[in-house]
Amino acid sequence: MTESDARRDYRPGPLRHAEARPDGTRWALTFVREFTHSPAALWTALTDPGELPQWAPYTADRDLGTVGPATLTMVDGPDRIELDGTVTRAEAPHVLEHAWGDDVLLWTIEEPARERD
């Protein structure tokens, strides 16, 4: 199986951590998951409009790998709702931050610490 095929077979590991906490006047919701995919493959899944529908409830009018405005289209069955978005951080392949309507999503990709021999 190629890495491209593995991306399409999206299967995250178990949820390691979940937390909801107030952050000023908003709430922050944090999820931590483990993936067998490389950081580059995860980055593509987060930024490539062709990959987003494999796992996300939205798609984008452009690659989200660069800072700037974007239109995110929420997909709910046959219904489509366009929301203005803005990518505010794009540090491939580790940090992606973008607005989705009134919400802000921050994705961080960390490689696991390697065991020493």
PDB file of N, CA and C in Angstrom:
ATOM      1  N   MET A   1       0.857  -1.178   0.000  1.00  0.00           N
ATOM      2  CA  MET A   1       0.000   0.000   0.000  1.00  0.00           C
ATOM      3  C   MET A   1       0.899   1.237   0.000  1.00  0.00           C
ATOM      4  N   THR A   2       0.645   2.158  -0.914  1.00  0.00           N
ATOM      5  CA  THR A   2       1.415   3.387  -0.971  1.00  0.00           C
ATOM      6  C   THR A   2       0.941   4.343   0.112  1.00  0.00           C
ATOM      7  N   GLU A   3       1.749   5.377   0.409  1.00  0.00           N
ATOM      8  CA  GLU A   3       1.343   6.348   1.418  1.00  0.00           C
ATOM      9  C   GLU A   3       0.079   7.071   0.990  1.00  0.00           C
ATOM     10  N   SER A   4      -0.092   7.300  -0.319  1.00  0.00           N
ATOM     11  CA  SER A   4      -1.314   7.931  -0.802  1.00  0.00           C
ATOM     12  C   SER A   4      -2.529   7.057  -0.487  1.00  0.00           C
ATOM     13  N   ASP A   5      -2.404   5.738  -0.693  1.00  0.00           N
ATOM     14  CA  ASP A   5      -3.493   4.818  -0.354  1.00  0.00           C
ATOM     15  C   ASP A   5      -3.750   4.823   1.144  1.00  0.00           C
ATOM     16  N   ALA A   6      -2.686   4.886   1.956  1.00  0.00           N
ATOM     17  CA  ALA A   6      -2.836   4.888   3.412  1.00  0.00           C
ATOM     18  C   ALA A   6      -3.589   6.124   3.876  1.00  0.00           C
ATOM     19  N   ARG A   7      -3.371   7.270   3.244  1.00  0.00           N
ATOM     20  CA  ARG A   7      -4.098   8.488   3.605  1.00  0.00           C
ATOM     21  C   ARG A   7      -5.584   8.301   3.400  1.00  0.00           C
ATOM     22  N   ARG A   8      -5.945   7.684   2.304  1.00  0.00           N
ATOM     23  CA  ARG A   8      -7.352   7.483   2.009  1.00  0.00           C
ATOM     24  C   ARG A   8      -7.981   6.475   2.970  1.00  0.00           C
ATOM     25  N   ASP A   9      -7.182   5.615   3.544  1.00  0.00           N
ATOM     26  CA  ASP A   9      -7.654   4.653   4.535  1.00  0.00           C
ATOM     27  C   ASP A   9      -7.433   5.270   5.919  1.00  0.00           C
ATOM     28  N   TYR A  10      -8.055   6.409   6.125  1.00  0.00           N
ATOM     29  CA  TYR A  10      -7.892   7.194   7.343  1.00  0.00           C
ATOM     30  C   TYR A  10      -8.392   6.425   8.561  1.00  0.00           C
ATOM     31  N   ARG A  11      -7.484   6.049   9.426  1.00  0.00           N
ATOM     32  CA  ARG A  11      -7.852   5.348  10.658  1.00  0.00           C
ATOM     33  C   ARG A  11      -6.964   5.848  11.784  1.00  0.00           C
ATOM     34  N   PRO A  12      -7.442   6.851  12.537  1.00  0.00           N
ATOM     35  CA  PRO A  12      -6.628   7.353  13.643  1.00  0.00           C
ATOM     36  C   PRO A  12      -6.584   6.344  14.775  1.00  0.00           C
ATOM     37  N   GLY A  13      -5.551   6.469  15.596  1.00  0.00           N
ATOM     38  CA  GLY A  13      -5.474   5.648  16.791  1.00  0.00           C
ATOM     39  C   GLY A  13      -6.492   6.137  17.807  1.00  0.00           C
ATOM     40  N   PRO A  14      -6.520   5.505  18.964  1.00  0.00           N
ATOM     41  CA  PRO A  14      -7.501   5.899  19.982  1.00  0.00           C
ATOM     42  C   PRO A  14      -7.258   7.328  20.473  1.00  0.00           C
ATOM     43  N   LEU A  15      -8.313   7.929  20.963  1.00  0.00           N
ATOM     44  CA  LEU A  15      -8.222   9.269  21.532  1.00  0.00           C
ATOM     45  C   LEU A  15      -7.374   9.181  22.795  1.00  0.00           C
ATOM     46  N   ARG A  16      -6.245   9.904  22.824  1.00  0.00           N
ATOM     47  CA  ARG A  16      -5.353   9.869  23.982  1.00  0.00           C
ATOM     48  C   ARG A  16      -5.725  10.908  25.016  1.00  0.00           C
ATOM     49  N   HIS A  17      -6.278  12.026  24.567  1.00  0.00           N
ATOM     50  CA  HIS A  17      -6.563  13.119  25.489  1.00  0.00           C
ATOM     51  C   HIS A  17      -7.664  13.984  24.897  1.00  0.00           C
ATOM     52  N   ALA A  18      -8.568  14.422  25.725  1.00  0.00           N
ATOM     53  CA  ALA A  18      -9.600  15.377  25.316  1.00  0.00           C
ATOM     54  C   ALA A  18      -9.809  16.332  26.479  1.00  0.00           C
ATOM     55  N   GLU A  19      -9.930  17.620  26.155  1.00  0.00           N
ATOM     56  CA  GLU A  19     -10.085  18.635  27.196  1.00  0.00           C
ATOM     57  C   GLU A  19     -10.892  19.799  26.648  1.00  0.00           C
ATOM     58  N   ALA A  20     -11.816  20.295  27.435  1.00  0.00           N
ATOM     59  CA  ALA A  20     -12.560  21.512  27.103  1.00  0.00           C
ATOM     60  C   ALA A  20     -12.323  22.488  28.245  1.00  0.00           C
ATOM     61  N   ARG A  21     -11.918  23.714  27.896  1.00  0.00           N
ATOM     62  CA  ARG A  21     -11.656  24.706  28.938  1.00  0.00           C
ATOM     63  C   ARG A  21     -11.937  26.098  28.397  1.00  0.00           C
ATOM     64  N   PRO A  22     -12.328  27.004  29.317  1.00  0.00           N
ATOM     65  CA  PRO A  22     -12.537  28.386  28.867  1.00  0.00           C
ATOM     66  C   PRO A  22     -11.210  29.018  28.455  1.00  0.00           C
ATOM     67  N   ASP A  23     -11.267  29.836  27.428  1.00  0.00           N
ATOM     68  CA  ASP A  23     -10.086  30.554  26.941  1.00  0.00           C
ATOM     69  C   ASP A  23     -10.536  31.991  26.666  1.00  0.00           C
ATOM     70  N   GLY A  24     -10.523  32.814  27.717  1.00  0.00           N
ATOM     71  CA  GLY A  24     -11.050  34.172  27.586  1.00  0.00           C
ATOM     72  C   GLY A  24     -12.562  34.107  27.485  1.00  0.00           C
ATOM     73  N   THR A  25     -13.104  34.699  26.436  1.00  0.00           N
ATOM     74  CA  THR A  25     -14.558  34.700  26.253  1.00  0.00           C
ATOM     75  C   THR A  25     -15.032  33.504  25.421  1.00  0.00           C
ATOM     76  N   ARG A  26     -14.093  32.664  24.993  1.00  0.00           N
ATOM     77  CA  ARG A  26     -14.421  31.498  24.159  1.00  0.00           C
ATOM     78  C   ARG A  26     -14.036  30.229  24.900  1.00  0.00           C
ATOM     79  N   TRP A  27     -14.330  29.109  24.316  1.00  0.00           N
ATOM     80  CA  TRP A  27     -13.915  27.817  24.839  1.00  0.00           C
ATOM     81  C   TRP A  27     -12.883  27.216  23.910  1.00  0.00           C
ATOM     82  N   ALA A  28     -11.925  26.498  24.482  1.00  0.00           N
ATOM     83  CA  ALA A  28     -10.938  25.760  23.696  1.00  0.00           C
ATOM     84  C   ALA A  28     -11.205  24.273  23.886  1.00  0.00           C
ATOM     85  N   LEU A  29     -11.282  23.550  22.801  1.00  0.00           N
ATOM     86  CA  LEU A  29     -11.488  22.112  22.822  1.00  0.00           C
ATOM     87  C   LEU A  29     -10.248  21.474  22.208  1.00  0.00           C
ATOM     88  N   THR A  30      -9.600  20.586  22.956  1.00  0.00           N
ATOM     89  CA  THR A  30      -8.367  19.959  22.507  1.00  0.00           C
ATOM     90  C   THR A  30      -8.554  18.452  22.423  1.00  0.00           C
ATOM     91  N   PHE A  31      -8.147  17.885  21.299  1.00  0.00           N
ATOM     92  CA  PHE A  31      -8.117  16.440  21.104  1.00  0.00           C
ATOM     93  C   PHE A  31      -6.695  16.043  20.747  1.00  0.00           C
ATOM     94  N   VAL A  32      -6.226  14.924  21.282  1.00  0.00           N
ATOM     95  CA  VAL A  32      -4.916  14.384  20.910  1.00  0.00           C
ATOM     96  C   VAL A  32      -5.136  12.978  20.361  1.00  0.00           C
ATOM     97  N   ARG A  33      -4.662  12.755  19.140  1.00  0.00           N
ATOM     98  CA  ARG A  33      -4.778  11.454  18.481  1.00  0.00           C
ATOM     99  C   ARG A  33      -3.408  11.036  17.982  1.00  0.00           C
ATOM    100  N   GLU A  34      -3.216   9.743  17.833  1.00  0.00           N
ATOM    101  CA  GLU A  34      -2.002   9.217  17.207  1.00  0.00           C
ATOM    102  C   GLU A  34      -2.365   8.649  15.841  1.00  0.00           C
ATOM    103  N   PHE A  35      -1.461   8.846  14.888  1.00  0.00           N
ATOM    104  CA  PHE A  35      -1.662   8.362  13.525  1.00  0.00           C
ATOM    105  C   PHE A  35      -0.429   7.600  13.088  1.00  0.00           C
ATOM    106  N   THR A  36      -0.620   6.661  12.193  1.00  0.00           N
ATOM    107  CA  THR A  36       0.521   5.940  11.626  1.00  0.00           C
ATOM    108  C   THR A  36       1.081   6.689  10.419  1.00  0.00           C
ATOM    109  N   HIS A  37       0.395   7.726   9.973  1.00  0.00           N
ATOM    110  CA  HIS A  37       0.795   8.491   8.797  1.00  0.00           C
ATOM    111  C   HIS A  37       1.977   9.398   9.125  1.00  0.00           C
ATOM    112  N   SER A  38       2.763   9.717   8.117  1.00  0.00           N
ATOM    113  CA  SER A  38       3.876  10.654   8.283  1.00  0.00           C
ATOM    114  C   SER A  38       3.330  12.075   8.459  1.00  0.00           C
ATOM    115  N   PRO A  39       4.139  12.977   9.044  1.00  0.00           N
ATOM    116  CA  PRO A  39       3.703  14.378   9.128  1.00  0.00           C
ATOM    117  C   PRO A  39       3.342  14.960   7.757  1.00  0.00           C
ATOM    118  N   ALA A  40       4.086  14.605   6.725  1.00  0.00           N
ATOM    119  CA  ALA A  40       3.790  15.125   5.378  1.00  0.00           C
ATOM    120  C   ALA A  40       2.418  14.646   4.897  1.00  0.00           C
ATOM    121  N   ALA A  41       2.078  13.388   5.152  1.00  0.00           N
ATOM    122  CA  ALA A  41       0.774  12.863   4.739  1.00  0.00           C
ATOM    123  C   ALA A  41      -0.346  13.528   5.532  1.00  0.00           C
ATOM    124  N   LEU A  42      -0.141  13.745   6.828  1.00  0.00           N
ATOM    125  CA  LEU A  42      -1.149  14.427   7.640  1.00  0.00           C
ATOM    126  C   LEU A  42      -1.321  15.873   7.178  1.00  0.00           C
ATOM    127  N   TRP A  43      -0.226  16.538   6.854  1.00  0.00           N
ATOM    128  CA  TRP A  43      -0.298  17.912   6.351  1.00  0.00           C
ATOM    129  C   TRP A  43      -1.149  17.966   5.081  1.00  0.00           C
ATOM    130  N   THR A  44      -0.918  17.023   4.177  1.00  0.00           N
ATOM    131  CA  THR A  44      -1.699  16.971   2.947  1.00  0.00           C
ATOM    132  C   THR A  44      -3.180  16.752   3.258  1.00  0.00           C
ATOM    133  N   ALA A  45      -3.477  15.876   4.194  1.00  0.00           N
ATOM    134  CA  ALA A  45      -4.871  15.622   4.572  1.00  0.00           C
ATOM    135  C   ALA A  45      -5.539  16.878   5.122  1.00  0.00           C
ATOM    136  N   LEU A  46      -4.775  17.720   5.829  1.00  0.00           N
ATOM    137  CA  LEU A  46      -5.311  18.950   6.419  1.00  0.00           C
ATOM    138  C   LEU A  46      -5.439  20.099   5.427  1.00  0.00           C
ATOM    139  N   THR A  47      -4.645  20.088   4.368  1.00  0.00           N
ATOM    140  CA  THR A  47      -4.554  21.264   3.501  1.00  0.00           C
ATOM    141  C   THR A  47      -5.057  21.071   2.072  1.00  0.00           C
ATOM    142  N   ASP A  48      -5.016  19.872   1.552  1.00  0.00           N
ATOM    143  CA  ASP A  48      -5.364  19.610   0.155  1.00  0.00           C
ATOM    144  C   ASP A  48      -6.881  19.480   0.000  1.00  0.00           C
ATOM    145  N   PRO A  49      -7.518  20.343  -0.806  1.00  0.00           N
ATOM    146  CA  PRO A  49      -8.969  20.264  -0.990  1.00  0.00           C
ATOM    147  C   PRO A  49      -9.440  18.895  -1.477  1.00  0.00           C
ATOM    148  N   GLY A  50      -8.597  18.181  -2.196  1.00  0.00           N
ATOM    149  CA  GLY A  50      -8.952  16.853  -2.660  1.00  0.00           C
ATOM    150  C   GLY A  50      -8.932  15.807  -1.560  1.00  0.00           C
ATOM    151  N   GLU A  51      -8.182  16.050  -0.493  1.00  0.00           N
ATOM    152  CA  GLU A  51      -8.078  15.116   0.627  1.00  0.00           C
ATOM    153  C   GLU A  51      -9.076  15.430   1.741  1.00  0.00           C
ATOM    154  N   LEU A  52      -9.455  16.684   1.891  1.00  0.00           N
ATOM    155  CA  LEU A  52     -10.347  17.080   2.998  1.00  0.00           C
ATOM    156  C   LEU A  52     -11.630  16.252   3.075  1.00  0.00           C
ATOM    157  N   PRO A  53     -12.304  15.977   1.950  1.00  0.00           N
ATOM    158  CA  PRO A  53     -13.558  15.216   2.051  1.00  0.00           C
ATOM    159  C   PRO A  53     -13.379  13.792   2.579  1.00  0.00           C
ATOM    160  N   GLN A  54     -12.139  13.300   2.623  1.00  0.00           N
ATOM    161  CA  GLN A  54     -11.897  11.955   3.139  1.00  0.00           C
ATOM    162  C   GLN A  54     -12.153  11.870   4.641  1.00  0.00           C
ATOM    163  N   TRP A  55     -12.066  13.030   5.336  1.00  0.00           N
ATOM    164  CA  TRP A  55     -12.194  12.985   6.802  1.00  0.00           C
ATOM    165  C   TRP A  55     -12.943  14.179   7.389  1.00  0.00           C
ATOM    166  N   ALA A  56     -13.014  15.300   6.701  1.00  0.00           N
ATOM    167  CA  ALA A  56     -13.580  16.532   7.267  1.00  0.00           C
ATOM    168  C   ALA A  56     -15.001  16.776   6.754  1.00  0.00           C
ATOM    169  N   PRO A  57     -15.797  17.521   7.521  1.00  0.00           N
ATOM    170  CA  PRO A  57     -17.153  17.860   7.057  1.00  0.00           C
ATOM    171  C   PRO A  57     -17.154  19.084   6.141  1.00  0.00           C
ATOM    172  N   TYR A  58     -16.002  19.452   5.628  1.00  0.00           N
ATOM    173  CA  TYR A  58     -15.899  20.617   4.748  1.00  0.00           C
ATOM    174  C   TYR A  58     -14.821  20.375   3.709  1.00  0.00           C
ATOM    175  N   THR A  59     -14.847  21.201   2.675  1.00  0.00           N
ATOM    176  CA  THR A  59     -13.787  21.246   1.695  1.00  0.00           C
ATOM    177  C   THR A  59     -13.387  22.709   1.538  1.00  0.00           C
ATOM    178  N   ALA A  60     -12.346  22.980   0.779  1.00  0.00           N
ATOM    179  CA  ALA A  60     -11.838  24.352   0.634  1.00  0.00           C
ATOM    180  C   ALA A  60     -11.710  24.704  -0.834  1.00  0.00           C
ATOM    181  N   ASP A  61     -11.769  26.003  -1.110  1.00  0.00           N
ATOM    182  CA  ASP A  61     -11.645  26.464  -2.492  1.00  0.00           C
ATOM    183  C   ASP A  61     -10.199  26.536  -2.956  1.00  0.00           C
ATOM    184  N   ARG A  62      -9.269  26.273  -2.028  1.00  0.00           N
ATOM    185  CA  ARG A  62      -7.845  26.311  -2.382  1.00  0.00           C
ATOM    186  C   ARG A  62      -7.071  25.462  -1.384  1.00  0.00           C
ATOM    187  N   ASP A  63      -5.807  25.212  -1.685  1.00  0.00           N
ATOM    188  CA  ASP A  63      -4.929  24.521  -0.748  1.00  0.00           C
ATOM    189  C   ASP A  63      -4.749  25.413   0.470  1.00  0.00           C
ATOM    190  N   LEU A  64      -4.893  24.851   1.650  1.00  0.00           N
ATOM    191  CA  LEU A  64      -4.796  25.637   2.886  1.00  0.00           C
ATOM    192  C   LEU A  64      -3.367  25.716   3.422  1.00  0.00           C
ATOM    193  N   GLY A  65      -2.393  25.332   2.628  1.00  0.00           N
ATOM    194  CA  GLY A  65      -1.000  25.313   3.064  1.00  0.00           C
ATOM    195  C   GLY A  65      -0.304  26.656   3.033  1.00  0.00           C
ATOM    196  N   THR A  66      -1.015  27.731   2.695  1.00  0.00           N
ATOM    197  CA  THR A  66      -0.427  29.074   2.717  1.00  0.00           C
ATOM    198  C   THR A  66      -1.394  30.028   3.413  1.00  0.00           C
ATOM    199  N   VAL A  67      -0.834  31.064   4.015  1.00  0.00           N
ATOM    200  CA  VAL A  67      -1.620  32.067   4.727  1.00  0.00           C
ATOM    201  C   VAL A  67      -2.470  32.857   3.736  1.00  0.00           C
ATOM    202  N   GLY A  68      -3.693  33.183   4.167  1.00  0.00           N
ATOM    203  CA  GLY A  68      -4.559  34.011   3.336  1.00  0.00           C
ATOM    204  C   GLY A  68      -6.001  33.562   3.409  1.00  0.00           C
ATOM    205  N   PRO A  69      -6.880  34.300   2.724  1.00  0.00           N
ATOM    206  CA  PRO A  69      -8.309  33.976   2.751  1.00  0.00           C
ATOM    207  C   PRO A  69      -8.606  32.679   2.004  1.00  0.00           C
ATOM    208  N   ALA A  70      -9.684  32.029   2.436  1.00  0.00           N
ATOM    209  CA  ALA A  70     -10.154  30.804   1.784  1.00  0.00           C
ATOM    210  C   ALA A  70     -11.651  30.686   2.051  1.00  0.00           C
ATOM    211  N   THR A  71     -12.338  30.014   1.173  1.00  0.00           N
ATOM    212  CA  THR A  71     -13.745  29.701   1.411  1.00  0.00           C
ATOM    213  C   THR A  71     -13.825  28.231   1.774  1.00  0.00           C
ATOM    214  N   LEU A  72     -14.392  27.951   2.944  1.00  0.00           N
ATOM    215  CA  LEU A  72     -14.590  26.576   3.380  1.00  0.00           C
ATOM    216  C   LEU A  72     -16.063  26.247   3.173  1.00  0.00           C
ATOM    217  N   THR A  73     -16.323  25.164   2.493  1.00  0.00           N
ATOM    218  CA  THR A  73     -17.690  24.769   2.207  1.00  0.00           C
ATOM    219  C   THR A  73     -18.058  23.576   3.079  1.00  0.00           C
ATOM    220  N   MET A  74     -18.992  23.822   3.975  1.00  0.00           N
ATOM    221  CA  MET A  74     -19.522  22.785   4.855  1.00  0.00           C
ATOM    222  C   MET A  74     -20.398  21.864   4.024  1.00  0.00           C
ATOM    223  N   VAL A  75     -20.159  20.560   4.135  1.00  0.00           N
ATOM    224  CA  VAL A  75     -20.909  19.582   3.367  1.00  0.00           C
ATOM    225  C   VAL A  75     -21.745  18.761   4.338  1.00  0.00           C
ATOM    226  N   ASP A  76     -23.060  18.827   4.154  1.00  0.00           N
ATOM    227  CA  ASP A  76     -23.983  18.069   4.995  1.00  0.00           C
ATOM    228  C   ASP A  76     -24.995  17.394   4.071  1.00  0.00           C
ATOM    229  N   GLY A  77     -24.650  16.199   3.625  1.00  0.00           N
ATOM    230  CA  GLY A  77     -25.494  15.523   2.642  1.00  0.00           C
ATOM    231  C   GLY A  77     -25.530  16.342   1.368  1.00  0.00           C
ATOM    232  N   PRO A  78     -26.713  16.616   0.834  1.00  0.00           N
ATOM    233  CA  PRO A  78     -26.792  17.396  -0.402  1.00  0.00           C
ATOM    234  C   PRO A  78     -26.621  18.901  -0.172  1.00  0.00           C
ATOM    235  N   ASP A  79     -26.655  19.339   1.095  1.00  0.00           N
ATOM    236  CA  ASP A  79     -26.548  20.771   1.401  1.00  0.00           C
ATOM    237  C   ASP A  79     -25.086  21.223   1.439  1.00  0.00           C
ATOM    238  N   ARG A  80     -24.861  22.431   0.948  1.00  0.00           N
ATOM    239  CA  ARG A  80     -23.529  23.059   0.960  1.00  0.00           C
ATOM    240  C   ARG A  80     -23.675  24.447   1.570  1.00  0.00           C
ATOM    241  N   ILE A  81     -22.827  24.756   2.557  1.00  0.00           N
ATOM    242  CA  ILE A  81     -22.854  26.079   3.184  1.00  0.00           C
ATOM    243  C   ILE A  81     -21.445  26.646   3.105  1.00  0.00           C
ATOM    244  N   GLU A  82     -21.281  27.773   2.425  1.00  0.00           N
ATOM    245  CA  GLU A  82     -19.978  28.410   2.300  1.00  0.00           C
ATOM    246  C   GLU A  82     -19.727  29.317   3.496  1.00  0.00           C
ATOM    247  N   LEU A  83     -18.537  29.190   4.070  1.00  0.00           N
ATOM    248  CA  LEU A  83     -18.105  30.035   5.184  1.00  0.00           C
ATOM    249  C   LEU A  83     -16.784  30.687   4.826  1.00  0.00           C
ATOM    250  N   ASP A  84     -16.659  31.964   5.169  1.00  0.00           N
ATOM    251  CA  ASP A  84     -15.381  32.634   4.965  1.00  0.00           C
ATOM    252  C   ASP A  84     -14.373  32.065   5.947  1.00  0.00           C
ATOM    253  N   GLY A  85     -13.178  31.866   5.468  1.00  0.00           N
ATOM    254  CA  GLY A  85     -12.096  31.376   6.312  1.00  0.00           C
ATOM    255  C   GLY A  85     -10.825  32.143   6.020  1.00  0.00           C
ATOM    256  N   THR A  86      -9.892  32.062   6.934  1.00  0.00           N
ATOM    257  CA  THR A  86      -8.587  32.671   6.749  1.00  0.00           C
ATOM    258  C   THR A  86      -7.541  31.780   7.381  1.00  0.00           C
ATOM    259  N   VAL A  87      -6.539  31.403   6.615  1.00  0.00           N
ATOM    260  CA  VAL A  87      -5.405  30.673   7.169  1.00  0.00           C
ATOM    261  C   VAL A  87      -4.477  31.715   7.783  1.00  0.00           C
ATOM    262  N   THR A  88      -4.245  31.604   9.092  1.00  0.00           N
ATOM    263  CA  THR A  88      -3.403  32.581   9.787  1.00  0.00           C
ATOM    264  C   THR A  88      -1.994  32.051  10.074  1.00  0.00           C
ATOM    265  N   ARG A  89      -1.824  30.738  10.094  1.00  0.00           N
ATOM    266  CA  ARG A  89      -0.499  30.115  10.254  1.00  0.00           C
ATOM    267  C   ARG A  89      -0.437  28.882   9.380  1.00  0.00           C
ATOM    268  N   ALA A  90       0.650  28.746   8.662  1.00  0.00           N
ATOM    269  CA  ALA A  90       0.876  27.564   7.823  1.00  0.00           C
ATOM    270  C   ALA A  90       2.363  27.264   7.859  1.00  0.00           C
ATOM    271  N   GLU A  91       2.755  26.403   8.769  1.00  0.00           N
ATOM    272  CA  GLU A  91       4.162  26.040   8.964  1.00  0.00           C
ATOM    273  C   GLU A  91       4.294  24.545   8.682  1.00  0.00           C
ATOM    274  N   ALA A  92       4.364  24.226   7.382  1.00  0.00           N
ATOM    275  CA  ALA A  92       4.383  22.826   6.946  1.00  0.00           C
ATOM    276  C   ALA A  92       5.586  22.093   7.518  1.00  0.00           C
ATOM    277  N   PRO A  93       5.429  20.870   7.923  1.00  0.00           N
ATOM    278  CA  PRO A  93       4.199  20.109   8.054  1.00  0.00           C
ATOM    279  C   PRO A  93       3.734  19.998   9.512  1.00  0.00           C
ATOM    280  N   HIS A  94       3.929  21.052  10.292  1.00  0.00           N
ATOM    281  CA  HIS A  94       3.652  20.906  11.727  1.00  0.00           C
ATOM    282  C   HIS A  94       2.547  21.782  12.322  1.00  0.00           C
ATOM    283  N   VAL A  95       2.289  22.969  11.780  1.00  0.00           N
ATOM    284  CA  VAL A  95       1.293  23.852  12.393  1.00  0.00           C
ATOM    285  C   VAL A  95       0.405  24.465  11.308  1.00  0.00           C
ATOM    286  N   LEU A  96      -0.903  24.301  11.498  1.00  0.00           N
ATOM    287  CA  LEU A  96      -1.890  24.929  10.619  1.00  0.00           C
ATOM    288  C   LEU A  96      -2.948  25.557  11.514  1.00  0.00           C
ATOM    289  N   GLU A  97      -3.214  26.839  11.293  1.00  0.00           N
ATOM    290  CA  GLU A  97      -4.263  27.527  12.037  1.00  0.00           C
ATOM    291  C   GLU A  97      -5.128  28.270  11.036  1.00  0.00           C
ATOM    292  N   HIS A  98      -6.440  28.063  11.170  1.00  0.00           N
ATOM    293  CA  HIS A  98      -7.343  28.782  10.260  1.00  0.00           C
ATOM    294  C   HIS A  98      -8.676  29.032  10.932  1.00  0.00           C
ATOM    295  N   ALA A  99      -9.311  30.106  10.490  1.00  0.00           N
ATOM    296  CA  ALA A  99     -10.669  30.425  10.939  1.00  0.00           C
ATOM    297  C   ALA A  99     -11.622  29.625  10.082  1.00  0.00           C
ATOM    298  N   TRP A 100     -12.717  29.209  10.699  1.00  0.00           N
ATOM    299  CA  TRP A 100     -13.784  28.491  10.017  1.00  0.00           C
ATOM    300  C   TRP A 100     -15.062  29.126  10.515  1.00  0.00           C
ATOM    301  N   GLY A 101     -15.576  30.088   9.769  1.00  0.00           N
ATOM    302  CA  GLY A 101     -16.680  30.899  10.280  1.00  0.00           C
ATOM    303  C   GLY A 101     -16.180  31.680  11.481  1.00  0.00           C
ATOM    304  N   ASP A 102     -16.851  31.556  12.616  1.00  0.00           N
ATOM    305  CA  ASP A 102     -16.436  32.264  13.835  1.00  0.00           C
ATOM    306  C   ASP A 102     -15.445  31.466  14.682  1.00  0.00           C
ATOM    307  N   ASP A 103     -15.148  30.242  14.289  1.00  0.00           N
ATOM    308  CA  ASP A 103     -14.263  29.387  15.074  1.00  0.00           C
ATOM    309  C   ASP A 103     -12.841  29.427  14.537  1.00  0.00           C
ATOM    310  N   VAL A 104     -11.885  29.093  15.393  1.00  0.00           N
ATOM    311  CA  VAL A 104     -10.486  28.989  14.999  1.00  0.00           C
ATOM    312  C   VAL A 104     -10.036  27.560  15.265  1.00  0.00           C
ATOM    313  N   LEU A 105      -9.454  26.938  14.254  1.00  0.00           N
ATOM    314  CA  LEU A 105      -8.921  25.586  14.387  1.00  0.00           C
ATOM    315  C   LEU A 105      -7.410  25.658  14.347  1.00  0.00           C
ATOM    316  N   LEU A 106      -6.766  25.049  15.324  1.00  0.00           N
ATOM    317  CA  LEU A 106      -5.306  24.976  15.378  1.00  0.00           C
ATOM    318  C   LEU A 106      -4.923  23.511  15.355  1.00  0.00           C
ATOM    319  N   TRP A 107      -4.192  23.119  14.345  1.00  0.00           N
ATOM    320  CA  TRP A 107      -3.715  21.744  14.189  1.00  0.00           C
ATOM    321  C   TRP A 107      -2.212  21.729  14.424  1.00  0.00           C
ATOM    322  N   THR A 108      -1.744  20.878  15.298  1.00  0.00           N
ATOM    323  CA  THR A 108      -0.306  20.710  15.482  1.00  0.00           C
ATOM    324  C   THR A 108       0.024  19.235  15.251  1.00  0.00           C
ATOM    325  N   ILE A 109       1.052  19.006  14.473  1.00  0.00           N
ATOM    326  CA  ILE A 109       1.500  17.654  14.148  1.00  0.00           C
ATOM    327  C   ILE A 109       2.884  17.486  14.758  1.00  0.00           C
ATOM    328  N   GLU A 110       2.986  16.547  15.653  1.00  0.00           N
ATOM    329  CA  GLU A 110       4.263  16.269  16.313  1.00  0.00           C
ATOM    330  C   GLU A 110       4.666  14.838  16.011  1.00  0.00           C
ATOM    331  N   GLU A 111       5.945  14.656  15.765  1.00  0.00           N
ATOM    332  CA  GLU A 111       6.446  13.302  15.584  1.00  0.00           C
ATOM    333  C   GLU A 111       6.727  12.714  16.960  1.00  0.00           C
ATOM    334  N   PRO A 112       6.423  11.426  17.138  1.00  0.00           N
ATOM    335  CA  PRO A 112       6.694  10.830  18.447  1.00  0.00           C
ATOM    336  C   PRO A 112       8.191  10.766  18.716  1.00  0.00           C
ATOM    337  N   ALA A 113       8.545  10.860  19.987  1.00  0.00           N
ATOM    338  CA  ALA A 113       9.942  10.752  20.361  1.00  0.00           C
ATOM    339  C   ALA A 113      10.423   9.339  20.004  1.00  0.00           C
ATOM    340  N   ARG A 114      11.566   9.266  19.398  1.00  0.00           N
ATOM    341  CA  ARG A 114      12.114   7.953  19.006  1.00  0.00           C
ATOM    342  C   ARG A 114      12.870   7.361  20.190  1.00  0.00           C
ATOM    343  N   GLU A 115      12.699   6.055  20.348  1.00  0.00           N
ATOM    344  CA  GLU A 115      13.416   5.382  21.426  1.00  0.00           C
ATOM    345  C   GLU A 115      14.879   5.241  21.033  1.00  0.00           C
ATOM    346  N   ARG A 116      15.743   5.380  22.012  1.00  0.00           N
ATOM    347  CA  ARG A 116      17.173   5.228  21.752  1.00  0.00           C
ATOM    348  C   ARG A 116      17.559   3.761  21.868  1.00  0.00           C
ATOM    349  N   ASP A 117      18.496   3.361  21.017  1.00  0.00           N
ATOM    350  CA  ASP A 117      18.948   1.951  21.054  1.00  0.00           C
ATOM    351  C   ASP A 117      19.802   1.688  22.272  1.00  0.00           C
TER     352      ASP A 117
END
